[in-house]
């Protein structure tokens, strides 16, 4: 029975890599519930010879733009059992975001991050268009974009905090393993620059609202609670 439950959890975690964010978030949520119900930690599901890996998101920010990405990567990695750092190829100003963790976690982080970056950039494109029509200077436009990005990742961070409060029983399930953190010891961790957002408060507020509903996990849980119960019952039947 235990082996079958572990297999089901692993399959759900694999579905967490889905490019469909709703499907991925729902699969992760179901996996966490089963882990709590059967008192499995991350270590229980891993092969003892498995080691943390790095996953290159292939997404970068530059010395001049999109510094909000590091704040976003920080929030997503911390809440998905990973850490992140950056790699800057020699002679460039491109800083690539790298996730480090056990395979399922790192791939999930990279997938969530890519989708979140896509969502933010989509909004920033519209913001830039309006501000250019208003003949705003490039420096002001860049500040406004950073402000929106900051609001987004802070809203997302608060969404994760609310989720953790509502599911305190998850405990060790969502803890970043010490062996994953180990990689950061010899290097300087990427830090996001804090900007004053008072001049663009409406954009900060917009980013915050949209970041806070990004995962939509609580709504998924309410809508699909019955399906979750059926999935758990199915897992129990398979294990008999």
Foldseek 3Di string as FASTA:
>chain_A
DVVLLLVQLVVLLVQLLDLPLLSNLQSPVLSLVSCLVVVHAPVNNDDPPFAKDKDWLPDWAFPQADLLLLLLLQLLQLQQQWAWAWDDPPPGRTTTIMIIAGDSSRSSSSSLSVVVVVVLVVVLVVQVVVVVVVVDDPVVSRLLSSLLSNLQSVLLNVLSVVVCVVPVSSPNNRGRDPSRVVVCVVDDGDDGDDDDCPVNVVSSPVNNVCNNCVSVSVVSCVVCVVVSVVVVVVSVVVVD
